[in-house]
Each structure stands twice: as structure tokens, then as C-alpha cells.
C-alpha atoms as a PDB file:
ATOM      1  CA  MET A   1     138.242  72.423  57.428  1.00  0.00           C
ATOM      2  CA  GLN A   2     138.078  76.149  56.777  1.00  0.00           C
ATOM      3  CA  GLN A   3     134.956  77.329  58.555  1.00  0.00           C
ATOM      4  CA  ILE A   4     132.721  80.064  57.285  1.00  0.00           C
ATOM      5  CA  TYR A   5     130.382  82.498  58.884  1.00  0.00           C
ATOM      6  CA  GLU A   6     129.209  85.813  57.598  1.00  0.00           C
ATOM      7  CA  LEU A   7     126.960  88.136  59.578  1.00  0.00           C
ATOM      8  CA  SER A   8     126.008  85.445  62.101  1.00  0.00           C
ATOM      9  CA  ARG A   9     128.625  86.755  64.544  1.00  0.00           C
ATOM     10  CA  ASP A  10     126.330  89.753  65.063  1.00  0.00           C
ATOM     11  CA  GLU A  11     123.618  87.399  66.303  1.00  0.00           C
ATOM     12  CA  THR A  12     125.675  86.755  69.463  1.00  0.00           C
ATOM     13  CA  PRO A  13     125.415  90.068  71.364  1.00  0.00           C
ATOM     14  CA  ARG A  14     128.016  89.259  74.009  1.00  0.00           C
ATOM     15  CA  VAL A  15     131.760  89.537  74.428  1.00  0.00           C
ATOM     16  CA  SER A  16     133.592  86.242  73.834  1.00  0.00           C
ATOM     17  CA  ALA A  17     137.222  85.177  74.052  1.00  0.00           C
ATOM     18  CA  TRP A  18     138.933  81.825  73.631  1.00  0.00           C
ATOM     19  CA  HIS A  19     142.243  80.120  72.885  1.00  0.00           C
ATOM     20  CA  LYS A  20     142.727  78.350  69.557  1.00  0.00           C
ATOM     21  CA  ASN A  21     145.544  76.383  67.942  1.00  0.00           C
ATOM     22  CA  ASN A  22     146.391  76.215  64.229  1.00  0.00           C
ATOM     23  CA  ASN A  23     143.577  78.494  63.182  1.00  0.00           C
ATOM     24  CA  HIS A  24     142.007  78.320  59.717  1.00  0.00           C
ATOM     25  CA  PHE A  25     138.983  80.517  59.141  1.00  0.00           C
ATOM     26  CA  HIS A  26     137.570  81.514  55.792  1.00  0.00           C
ATOM     27  CA  ALA A  27     136.678  85.029  54.644  1.00  0.00           C
ATOM     28  CA  HIS A  28     133.888  86.667  56.632  1.00  0.00           C
ATOM     29  CA  PHE A  29     132.844  90.007  58.095  1.00  0.00           C
ATOM     30  CA  HIS A  30     130.569  91.428  60.776  1.00  0.00           C
ATOM     31  CA  SER A  31     129.977  94.643  62.729  1.00  0.00           C
ATOM     32  CA  THR A  32     131.579  93.038  65.782  1.00  0.00           C
ATOM     33  CA  ILE A  33     135.175  94.070  66.553  1.00  0.00           C
ATOM     34  CA  GLU A  34     137.469  91.040  66.365  1.00  0.00           C
ATOM     35  CA  LEU A  35     140.908  90.916  67.982  1.00  0.00           C
ATOM     36  CA  VAL A  36     143.407  88.084  67.536  1.00  0.00           C
ATOM     37  CA  TYR A  37     146.556  87.949  69.639  1.00  0.00           C
ATOM     38  CA  VAL A  38     149.264  85.583  68.354  1.00  0.00           C
ATOM     39  CA  GLU A  39     150.778  83.816  71.367  1.00  0.00           C
ATOM     40  CA  GLY A  40     153.038  81.477  69.403  1.00  0.00           C
ATOM     41  CA  GLY A  41     153.931  80.446  65.873  1.00  0.00           C
ATOM     42  CA  VAL A  42     152.804  82.450  62.844  1.00  0.00           C
ATOM     43  CA  LEU A  43     149.289  83.214  61.625  1.00  0.00           C
ATOM     44  CA  CYS A  44     148.521  84.400  58.105  1.00  0.00           C
ATOM     45  CA  ALA A  45     145.800  87.071  58.216  1.00  0.00           C
ATOM     46  CA  MET A  46     144.014  88.602  55.244  1.00  0.00           C
ATOM     47  CA  GLN A  47     142.226  91.914  55.799  1.00  0.00           C
ATOM     48  CA  ASP A  48     140.300  93.501  52.926  1.00  0.00           C
ATOM     49  CA  GLY A  49     142.471  91.692  50.409  1.00  0.00           C
ATOM     50  CA  VAL A  50     145.842  92.366  52.095  1.00  0.00           C
ATOM     51  CA  SER A  51     147.668  89.263  53.345  1.00  0.00           C
ATOM     52  CA  THR A  52     150.142  89.485  56.256  1.00  0.00           C
ATOM     53  CA  LEU A  53     152.214  86.896  58.115  1.00  0.00           C
ATOM     54  CA  VAL A  54     151.690  87.755  61.778  1.00  0.00           C
ATOM     55  CA  PRO A  55     154.313  86.483  64.283  1.00  0.00           C
ATOM     56  CA  ALA A  56     154.052  85.898  68.021  1.00  0.00           C
ATOM     57  CA  GLY A  57     153.511  89.033  70.098  1.00  0.00           C
ATOM     58  CA  TYR A  58     151.472  90.815  67.440  1.00  0.00           C
ATOM     59  CA  LEU A  59     147.775  91.712  67.553  1.00  0.00           C
ATOM     60  CA  ILE A  60     145.360  91.550  64.625  1.00  0.00           C
ATOM     61  CA  VAL A  61     142.669  94.227  64.872  1.00  0.00           C
ATOM     62  CA  ASN A  62     139.604  93.791  62.671  1.00  0.00           C
ATOM     63  CA  SER A  63     137.341  96.817  62.698  1.00  0.00           C
ATOM     64  CA  SER A  64     133.637  96.580  61.874  1.00  0.00           C
ATOM     65  CA  TYR A  65     132.924  95.132  58.406  1.00  0.00           C
ATOM     66  CA  VAL A  66     136.556  94.400  57.514  1.00  0.00           C
ATOM     67  CA  VAL A  67     136.553  91.243  55.375  1.00  0.00           C
ATOM     68  CA  HIS A  68     139.059  88.936  57.052  1.00  0.00           C
ATOM     69  CA  SER A  69     140.300  85.365  57.020  1.00  0.00           C
ATOM     70  CA  TYR A  70     143.042  83.320  58.685  1.00  0.00           C
ATOM     71  CA  SER A  71     145.292  80.402  57.855  1.00  0.00           C
ATOM     72  CA  THR A  72     148.236  78.739  59.605  1.00  0.00           C
ATOM     73  CA  PRO A  73     151.311  78.012  57.432  1.00  0.00           C
ATOM     74  CA  GLU A  74     152.861  75.628  60.004  1.00  0.00           C
ATOM     75  CA  SER A  75     151.593  76.202  63.549  1.00  0.00           C
ATOM     76  CA  SER A  76     149.927  78.966  65.530  1.00  0.00           C
ATOM     77  CA  ARG A  77     148.587  79.562  69.019  1.00  0.00           C
ATOM     78  CA  ILE A  78     146.214  82.479  69.451  1.00  0.00           C
ATOM     79  CA  ILE A  79     143.631  84.210  71.622  1.00  0.00           C
ATOM     80  CA  VAL A  80     140.519  85.329  69.744  1.00  0.00           C
ATOM     81  CA  CYS A  81     138.263  88.029  71.186  1.00  0.00           C
ATOM     82  CA  THR A  82     135.012  89.329  69.687  1.00  0.00           C
ATOM     83  CA  VAL A  83     133.342  92.487  70.980  1.00  0.00           C
ATOM     84  CA  PRO A  84     129.871  93.520  69.750  1.00  0.00           C
ATOM     85  CA  LEU A  85     129.531  97.302  69.704  1.00  0.00           C
ATOM     86  CA  SER A  86     126.424  96.982  71.859  1.00  0.00           C
ATOM     87  CA  ALA A  87     128.659  95.681  74.680  1.00  0.00           C
ATOM     88  CA  VAL A  88     130.703  98.914  74.818  1.00  0.00           C
ATOM     89  CA  PRO A  89     128.128 101.776  74.711  1.00  0.00           C
ATOM     90  CA  PRO A  90     130.599 104.622  75.464  1.00  0.00           C
ATOM     91  CA  LEU A  91     132.716 103.653  72.431  1.00  0.00           C
ATOM     92  CA  ARG A  92     129.935 102.544  70.103  1.00  0.00           C
ATOM     93  CA  GLY A  93     129.578 105.856  68.242  1.00  0.00           C
ATOM     94  CA  GLN A  94     133.304 106.201  67.589  1.00  0.00           C
ATOM     95  CA  LEU A  95     133.791 102.628  66.474  1.00  0.00           C
ATOM     96  CA  SER A  96     130.724 102.545  64.213  1.00  0.00           C
ATOM     97  CA  ARG A  97     131.868 105.665  62.326  1.00  0.00           C
ATOM     98  CA  SER A  98     135.588 104.880  62.172  1.00  0.00           C
ATOM     99  CA  ARG A  99     138.094 102.077  61.937  1.00  0.00           C
ATOM    100  CA  PHE A 100     141.362 101.424  63.720  1.00  0.00           C
ATOM    101  CA  ALA A 101     144.261 103.147  62.021  1.00  0.00           C
ATOM    102  CA  ARG A 102     146.218  99.882  61.788  1.00  0.00           C
ATOM    103  CA  GLY A 103     145.057  96.306  61.357  1.00  0.00           C
ATOM    104  CA  ILE A 104     148.284  94.654  62.554  1.00  0.00           C
ATOM    105  CA  VAL A 105     149.921  95.936  65.741  1.00  0.00           C
ATOM    106  CA  ASP A 106     153.208  95.044  67.430  1.00  0.00           C
ATOM    107  CA  ALA A 107     151.911  94.328  70.936  1.00  0.00           C
ATOM    108  CA  ARG A 108     155.158  93.076  72.441  1.00  0.00           C
ATOM    109  CA  GLY A 109     155.410  96.297  74.404  1.00  0.00           C
ATOM    110  CA  MET A 110     151.733  96.275  75.376  1.00  0.00           C
ATOM    111  CA  LYS A 111     151.663  93.985  78.394  1.00  0.00           C
ATOM    112  CA  GLU A 112     148.238  95.331  79.333  1.00  0.00           C
ATOM    113  CA  CYS A 113     146.822  94.017  76.068  1.00  0.00           C
ATOM    114  CA  ARG A 114     147.924  90.422  76.596  1.00  0.00           C
ATOM    115  CA  ARG A 115     146.955  90.522  80.286  1.00  0.00           C
ATOM    116  CA  ILE A 116     143.403  91.653  79.504  1.00  0.00           C
ATOM    117  CA  LEU A 117     142.945  89.146  76.686  1.00  0.00           C
ATOM    118  CA  THR A 118     144.208  86.318  78.915  1.00  0.00           C
ATOM    119  CA  MET A 119     141.666  87.239  81.589  1.00  0.00           C
ATOM    120  CA  MET A 120     138.894  87.412  78.995  1.00  0.00           C
ATOM    121  CA  ALA A 121     139.767  83.957  77.648  1.00  0.00           C
ATOM    122  CA  ASP A 122     139.788  82.386  81.127  1.00  0.00           C
ATOM    123  CA  PRO A 123     136.870  79.876  81.230  1.00  0.00           C
ATOM    124  CA  ALA A 124     136.184  80.988  84.816  1.00  0.00           C
ATOM    125  CA  ASN A 125     135.037  84.365  83.443  1.00  0.00           C
ATOM    126  CA  GLU A 126     133.004  82.988  80.524  1.00  0.00           C
ATOM    127  CA  HIS A 127     129.588  83.832  81.996  1.00  0.00           C
ATOM    128  CA  ASN A 128     130.535  87.021  83.855  1.00  0.00           C
ATOM    129  CA  THR A 129     129.038  89.397  81.309  1.00  0.00           C
ATOM    130  CA  LEU A 130     129.598  92.633  83.238  1.00  0.00           C
ATOM    131  CA  PHE A 131     133.250  91.760  83.887  1.00  0.00           C
ATOM    132  CA  LEU A 132     133.872  90.822  80.240  1.00  0.00           C
ATOM    133  CA  ASN A 133     132.175  93.997  79.001  1.00  0.00           C
ATOM    134  CA  ALA A 134     134.305  96.112  81.331  1.00  0.00           C
ATOM    135  CA  LEU A 135     137.503  94.391  80.165  1.00  0.00           C
ATOM    136  CA  ALA A 136     136.487  94.788  76.508  1.00  0.00           C
ATOM    137  CA  GLN A 137     135.796  98.488  76.987  1.00  0.00           C
ATOM    138  CA  ALA A 138     139.136  99.003  78.728  1.00  0.00           C
ATOM    139  CA  LEU A 139     141.001  97.108  75.998  1.00  0.00           C
ATOM    140  CA  LEU A 140     139.369  98.975  73.105  1.00  0.00           C
ATOM    141  CA  ALA A 141     139.912 102.345  74.812  1.00  0.00           C
ATOM    142  CA  PHE A 142     143.576 101.385  75.276  1.00  0.00           C
ATOM    143  CA  LEU A 143     143.896 100.473  71.579  1.00  0.00           C
ATOM    144  CA  ILE A 144     142.167 103.676  70.472  1.00  0.00           C
ATOM    145  CA  GLU A 145     144.702 105.661  72.492  1.00  0.00           C
ATOM    146  CA  ARG A 146     147.696 103.637  71.284  1.00  0.00           C
ATOM    147  CA  ILE A 147     146.958 103.165  67.567  1.00  0.00           C
ATOM    148  CA  GLY A 148     144.183 105.673  66.883  1.00  0.00           C
ATOM    149  CA  LEU A 149     141.164 105.694  64.618  1.00  0.00           C
ATOM    150  CA  CYS A 150     140.679 106.902  61.060  1.00  0.00           C
ATOM    151  CA  ASP A 151     137.672 107.600  58.867  1.00  0.00           C
ATOM    152  CA  ASN A 152     136.142 104.725  56.944  1.00  0.00           C
ATOM    153  CA  THR A 153     137.043 105.112  53.287  1.00  0.00           C
ATOM    154  CA  ALA A 154     134.926 104.045  50.342  1.00  0.00           C
ATOM    155  CA  ASP A 155     136.207 100.985  48.500  1.00  0.00           C
ATOM    156  CA  ASP A 156     134.059  99.807  45.600  1.00  0.00           C
ATOM    157  CA  GLU A 157     135.737  96.402  45.345  1.00  0.00           C
ATOM    158  CA  ASN A 158     135.458  95.743  49.062  1.00  0.00           C
ATOM    159  CA  ASP A 159     131.807  96.754  49.025  1.00  0.00           C
ATOM    160  CA  LEU A 160     131.323  94.327  46.138  1.00  0.00           C
ATOM    161  CA  ILE A 161     132.926  91.489  48.104  1.00  0.00           C
ATOM    162  CA  LYS A 162     130.674  92.113  51.100  1.00  0.00           C
ATOM    163  CA  ARG A 163     127.599  91.979  48.886  1.00  0.00           C
ATOM    164  CA  VAL A 164     128.908  88.841  47.156  1.00  0.00           C
ATOM    165  CA  LEU A 165     129.543  87.041  50.458  1.00  0.00           C
ATOM    166  CA  ILE A 166     125.998  87.791  51.598  1.00  0.00           C
ATOM    167  CA  HIS A 167     124.667  86.589  48.228  1.00  0.00           C
ATOM    168  CA  LEU A 168     126.640  83.342  48.468  1.00  0.00           C
ATOM    169  CA  GLN A 169     125.470  82.761  52.033  1.00  0.00           C
ATOM    170  CA  GLU A 170     121.877  83.057  50.822  1.00  0.00           C
ATOM    171  CA  HIS A 171     122.285  81.025  47.615  1.00  0.00           C
ATOM    172  CA  ALA A 172     124.952  78.407  48.379  1.00  0.00           C
ATOM    173  CA  ALA A 173     122.399  75.621  47.985  1.00  0.00           C
ATOM    174  CA  ASP A 174     121.481  76.811  44.469  1.00  0.00           C
ATOM    175  CA  PRO A 175     123.293  75.579  41.332  1.00  0.00           C
ATOM    176  CA  ILE A 176     125.437  78.735  41.064  1.00  0.00           C
ATOM    177  CA  ASN A 177     128.710  79.255  39.221  1.00  0.00           C
ATOM    178  CA  VAL A 178     131.168  82.097  38.832  1.00  0.00           C
ATOM    179  CA  ALA A 179     129.738  83.299  35.501  1.00  0.00           C
ATOM    180  CA  GLN A 180     126.202  83.559  36.911  1.00  0.00           C
ATOM    181  CA  VAL A 181     127.262  85.438  40.028  1.00  0.00           C
ATOM    182  CA  ALA A 182     129.573  87.727  38.042  1.00  0.00           C
ATOM    183  CA  ALA A 183     126.695  88.606  35.704  1.00  0.00           C
ATOM    184  CA  HIS A 184     124.374  89.195  38.679  1.00  0.00           C
ATOM    185  CA  PHE A 185     126.751  91.884  39.936  1.00  0.00           C
ATOM    186  CA  GLY A 186     127.462  93.316  36.485  1.00  0.00           C
ATOM    187  CA  TYR A 187     130.992  91.960  35.957  1.00  0.00           C
ATOM    188  CA  SER A 188     132.646  89.740  33.395  1.00  0.00           C
ATOM    189  CA  ALA A 189     133.599  86.310  34.737  1.00  0.00           C
ATOM    190  CA  GLY A 190     137.309  87.062  34.303  1.00  0.00           C
ATOM    191  CA  ARG A 191     137.276  90.406  36.111  1.00  0.00           C
ATOM    192  CA  PHE A 192     135.025  89.072  38.866  1.00  0.00           C
ATOM    193  CA  SER A 193     137.277  86.035  39.425  1.00  0.00           C
ATOM    194  CA  HIS A 194     140.346  88.270  39.663  1.00  0.00           C
ATOM    195  CA  ILE A 195     138.727  90.536  42.284  1.00  0.00           C
ATOM    196  CA  PHE A 196     137.362  87.558  44.236  1.00  0.00           C
ATOM    197  CA  ASN A 197     140.676  85.685  44.306  1.00  0.00           C
ATOM    198  CA  GLU A 198     142.601  88.816  45.280  1.00  0.00           C
ATOM    199  CA  ARG A 199     140.230  89.904  48.055  1.00  0.00           C
ATOM    200  CA  ILE A 200     139.277  86.495  49.474  1.00  0.00           C
ATOM    201  CA  GLY A 201     142.484  84.569  48.892  1.00  0.00           C
ATOM    202  CA  CYS A 202     140.976  81.537  47.175  1.00  0.00           C
ATOM    203  CA  SER A 203     138.937  80.701  44.097  1.00  0.00           C
ATOM    204  CA  PHE A 204     135.189  81.202  43.851  1.00  0.00           C
ATOM    205  CA  THR A 205     134.623  77.442  43.536  1.00  0.00           C
ATOM    206  CA  ARG A 206     136.686  76.631  46.613  1.00  0.00           C
ATOM    207  CA  TYR A 207     134.883  79.249  48.666  1.00  0.00           C
ATOM    208  CA  VAL A 208     131.446  77.949  47.666  1.00  0.00           C
ATOM    209  CA  ASN A 209     132.486  74.348  48.350  1.00  0.00           C
ATOM    210  CA  ASN A 210     133.786  75.368  51.785  1.00  0.00           C
ATOM    211  CA  LEU A 211     130.505  77.093  52.528  1.00  0.00           C
ATOM    212  CA  ARG A 212     128.500  74.060  51.419  1.00  0.00           C
ATOM    213  CA  CYS A 213     130.686  71.725  53.494  1.00  0.00           C
ATOM    214  CA  TYR A 214     130.293  73.959  56.539  1.00  0.00           C
ATOM    215  CA  ASN A 215     126.508  73.874  56.163  1.00  0.00           C
ATOM    216  CA  ALA A 216     126.614  70.106  55.600  1.00  0.00           C
ATOM    217  CA  ARG A 217     128.687  69.532  58.730  1.00  0.00           C
ATOM    218  CA  ARG A 218     126.199  71.474  60.807  1.00  0.00           C
ATOM    219  CA  MET A 219     123.341  69.375  59.424  1.00  0.00           C
ATOM    220  CA  LEU A 220     125.283  66.138  59.959  1.00  0.00           C
ATOM    221  CA  LEU A 221     125.780  67.014  63.610  1.00  0.00           C
ATOM    222  CA  GLU A 222     122.368  68.502  64.325  1.00  0.00           C
ATOM    223  CA  SER A 223     119.908  66.397  62.300  1.00  0.00           C
ATOM    224  CA  ASN A 224     119.090  62.787  61.485  1.00  0.00           C
ATOM    225  CA  LEU A 225     118.441  63.414  57.804  1.00  0.00           C
ATOM    226  CA  PRO A 226     119.738  60.857  55.264  1.00  0.00           C
ATOM    227  CA  LEU A 227     123.030  61.784  53.638  1.00  0.00           C
ATOM    228  CA  ILE A 228     121.400  62.232  50.237  1.00  0.00           C
ATOM    229  CA  ASP A 229     118.979  64.798  51.671  1.00  0.00           C
ATOM    230  CA  ILE A 230     121.803  66.717  53.325  1.00  0.00           C
ATOM    231  CA  ALA A 231     123.831  66.683  50.114  1.00  0.00           C
ATOM    232  CA  THR A 232     120.882  68.046  48.136  1.00  0.00           C
ATOM    233  CA  ALA A 233     119.979  70.661  50.760  1.00  0.00           C
ATOM    234  CA  CYS A 234     123.543  71.997  50.734  1.00  0.00           C
ATOM    235  CA  GLY A 235     123.810  72.302  46.956  1.00  0.00           C
ATOM    236  CA  PHE A 236     125.748  69.184  45.949  1.00  0.00           C
ATOM    237  CA  SER A 237     124.645  67.700  42.648  1.00  0.00           C
ATOM    238  CA  SER A 238     125.242  64.075  43.675  1.00  0.00           C
ATOM    239  CA  MET A 239     126.381  61.887  46.558  1.00  0.00           C
ATOM    240  CA  ARG A 240     129.615  61.202  44.709  1.00  0.00           C
ATOM    241  CA  THR A 241     130.386  64.917  44.456  1.00  0.00           C
ATOM    242  CA  PHE A 242     129.384  65.466  48.094  1.00  0.00           C
ATOM    243  CA  HIS A 243     131.699  62.704  49.298  1.00  0.00           C
ATOM    244  CA  ARG A 244     134.636  63.795  47.112  1.00  0.00           C
ATOM    245  CA  VAL A 245     134.447  67.514  47.946  1.00  0.00           C
ATOM    246  CA  TYR A 246     133.774  67.003  51.652  1.00  0.00           C
ATOM    247  CA  LYS A 247     136.674  64.562  52.096  1.00  0.00           C
ATOM    248  CA  ASN A 248     139.010  66.769  50.064  1.00  0.00           C
ATOM    249  CA  LEU A 249     138.272  69.864  52.168  1.00  0.00           C
ATOM    250  CA  THR A 250     137.883  68.326  55.622  1.00  0.00           C
ATOM    251  CA  GLY A 251     139.903  65.114  55.556  1.00  0.00           C
ATOM    252  CA  GLN A 252     136.814  63.172  56.665  1.00  0.00           C
ATOM    253  CA  THR A 253     133.937  61.510  54.885  1.00  0.00           C
ATOM    254  CA  PRO A 254     130.395  62.748  55.560  1.00  0.00           C
ATOM    255  CA  ARG A 255     129.506  59.354  57.053  1.00  0.00           C
ATOM    256  CA  ALA A 256     132.398  59.587  59.537  1.00  0.00           C
ATOM    257  CA  VAL A 257     130.948  62.848  60.837  1.00  0.00           C
ATOM    258  CA  GLU A 258     127.429  61.407  60.868  1.00  0.00           C
ATOM    259  CA  ASN A 259     128.584  58.467  63.005  1.00  0.00           C
ATOM    260  CA  HIS A 260     130.635  60.620  65.390  1.00  0.00           C
END
């Protein structure tokens, strides 16, 4: 299942790093810096509407508020690292005003980069906040020196997408459709759909269904509510639709998750 989160990453004010295989993560953004090192295979990364196949040895650098998503064509093995700006005070001013000059970096000659990320993703260091913050600061300073920073540039379409993603997060449970949301933001349905598909990498309907399924999964795991109540709370018009969409997107039925 393609997971979704929007600004919720900013609610976790600590450095985190972990290994992940065959990553699929839907379009999202946050002020937190996100780094993804591809250890093996190939990862498809989309950054502000630009899709790139990223091979092993390369680093994906997502600056603050870059809209990004991931998918795995065949297989991938990665290290993910998230760094809230509050965790690196000496660099916070620079990184809040600017973005990294490149979003995809050939890190095969940057042994320091992989070494630091490997240490950060070691479970033994998971709760050593001071150590993780120091490593994160060293890594970001290294990347600033190696690839540089540039000024944030205005992008009307990207600003639109950020506002749309927030709107969908807030209204996913409502009976929304592409025409309604397009009109809300002052666009025709056709033009809005084109921008959305190009920037997010999937259709409006698929994105909303993924968001609803993500919210449903969380409720299935964390509550004892009847399935019909969960379906309604997440914006599905009927149990039949809930079952069909959830199974199509996740490969499981809602009841299988409920009984897990």
C-alpha cells in the first residue's frame, strides 16, 4: 500500500533513520529535511513533479517543502533519514531560507555519507538523541559543502499542489471529487487534473483513495469500531466500495487487517 503523510512528519521533532526494502510512499511534504540513500536496486523518486530512476550509490536529497514520493519498479534497498531543522540549530537559518542545489546526488565517492547514515540507522543509536543530532549536523554540513545551496524559487503550480495536499488531508472523509476541488482552487477540472497528475504522479481519484485507505488502516489497527463506521469515517460511500478499493490498493481486505 502506498502510504501517505503530509505535515505530520513535522510533529516528530527528532532525527530518525531506518532501513527499508521496496519502498512505496505517496506524495507528501514537510519542513523536515529527508535523505534517502539507495543501497541496492533502483528507486523511482519524484521531486516537485520531476521523476528520476535512482540507482544504488545515489542519494536523494529532499529540502524543506519539496513535494516528493517514491516507488520501486522491481526491488530497492534504502536508508531513510529525516532531520527536523530544530535538531540542527547552527544550520537552521540557512536551510529554512534555501534548498540544496541538487535533489539527486551521486554519492559513490562520498564514503562519509554512507558511513554516517549507516550509524544513524543502527538500532543501537535509536534513542541517543545528542549523538543522532550531531551526526545529522555533520552530514548536512558535508552536503552543503559538496553540493551547495540555492535560493528557493517561486513556483505557482508547486504552491498549488502543497495547498491541495493540505486540503485533501483535511477533507478526505468528505464526498469530494476532482471538479469540486478544482473549482475550490479556481481551476477547470481538465487543467487541474493535468497539473495534479504531472506533479503527483497519479490521478486525483487514486490519491484520495490511497489517503482514505491509509486513514482506514490506522483506524483498523488502533480502534475497535465496526467496519461500517470506519468506512463512513474515512469517506467511503458503502461497505462494498470500501472493500473493493481497500483490497485493490493494499492486496488485503479490511477484515484481514482488523483480525490481524
